[in-house]
Amino acid sequence: MAQDLRKRTKEFALRVIRVYSSLPSSSTVAQVIGKQVLRSGTSVGAHYPEAFHSRSDAEFINKIEVGLQEL
């Protein structure tokens, strides 16, 4: 399961990057919103290792919840 979640978070981040890359660079609104989506979408991959190395179930749940809130 751990490897599956790691793979899924990486694939999600790559999809977010592809979507951001496809946005029109001439649109200021698209770029501003796109940058926020890029930051929040790629942060999922940063939160996963923190949750994986948690010392307790409560800490694991907390780290996952923080990651979800950023989405």
Protein backbone atom coordinates (compact mmCIF):
# COMPACT_ATOMS: atom_id res chain seq x y z
CA MET A 1 0.00 0.00 0.00
CA ALA A 2 2.81 2.45 0.84
CA GLN A 3 4.37 2.07 -2.60
CA ASP A 4 0.96 2.45 -4.24
CA LEU A 5 0.27 5.71 -2.40
CA ARG A 6 3.75 7.01 -3.21
CA LYS A 7 3.22 6.19 -6.89
CA ARG A 8 -0.22 7.81 -6.92
CA THR A 9 1.01 11.04 -5.29
CA LYS A 10 3.83 11.27 -7.83
CA GLU A 11 1.44 10.66 -10.74
CA PHE A 12 -0.95 13.27 -9.35
CA ALA A 13 1.84 15.85 -9.12
CA LEU A 14 2.92 15.09 -12.68
CA ARG A 15 -0.66 15.54 -13.93
CA VAL A 16 -0.90 18.88 -12.12
CA ILE A 17 2.36 19.99 -13.75
CA ARG A 18 1.09 18.97 -17.20
CA VAL A 19 -2.16 20.89 -16.69
CA TYR A 20 -0.24 23.97 -15.56
CA SER A 21 2.06 23.70 -18.57
CA SER A 22 -0.93 23.62 -20.91
CA LEU A 23 -2.42 26.88 -19.60
CA PRO A 24 -2.16 29.88 -21.91
CA SER A 25 0.77 32.07 -20.94
CA SER A 26 -1.05 35.10 -22.34
CA SER A 27 -3.76 34.88 -19.67
CA THR A 28 -2.78 36.51 -16.38
CA VAL A 29 -5.76 34.97 -14.60
CA ALA A 30 -4.88 31.47 -15.82
CA GLN A 31 -1.27 31.90 -14.73
CA VAL A 32 -2.15 33.20 -11.25
CA ILE A 33 -4.67 30.44 -10.60
CA GLY A 34 -2.41 27.90 -12.26
CA LYS A 35 0.50 28.75 -9.98
CA GLN A 36 -1.67 28.22 -6.91
CA VAL A 37 -2.91 24.88 -8.24
CA LEU A 38 0.69 23.93 -9.01
CA ARG A 39 1.83 24.73 -5.46
CA SER A 40 -1.03 22.91 -3.77
CA GLY A 41 -1.04 19.96 -6.15
CA THR A 42 2.66 19.26 -5.87
CA SER A 43 2.72 19.70 -2.09
CA VAL A 44 0.89 16.38 -1.79
CA GLY A 45 4.14 14.64 -2.63
CA ALA A 46 5.92 16.54 0.11
CA HIS A 47 3.37 15.61 2.77
CA TYR A 48 3.38 11.91 1.98
CA PRO A 49 6.95 11.20 3.25
CA GLU A 50 6.21 13.15 6.42
CA ALA A 51 3.10 11.06 7.04
CA PHE A 52 4.88 7.82 6.14
CA HIS A 53 7.54 8.46 8.80
CA SER A 54 5.05 9.37 11.53
CA ARG A 55 5.64 7.99 15.00
CA SER A 56 1.99 7.24 15.72
CA ASP A 57 -1.34 6.70 14.00
CA ALA A 58 -2.54 10.07 15.29
CA GLU A 59 0.47 11.84 13.80
CA PHE A 60 -0.03 10.00 10.49
CA ILE A 61 -3.67 11.08 10.33
CA ASN A 62 -2.72 14.66 11.17
CA LYS A 63 -0.10 14.82 8.40
CA ILE A 64 -2.55 13.41 5.86
CA GLU A 65 -5.23 15.90 6.94
CA VAL A 66 -2.81 18.81 6.55
CA GLY A 67 -2.02 17.65 3.04
CA LEU A 68 -5.71 17.37 2.17
CA GLN A 69 -6.40 20.87 3.48
CA GLU A 70 -3.82 22.28 1.10
CA LEU A 71 -5.67 20.82 -1.86
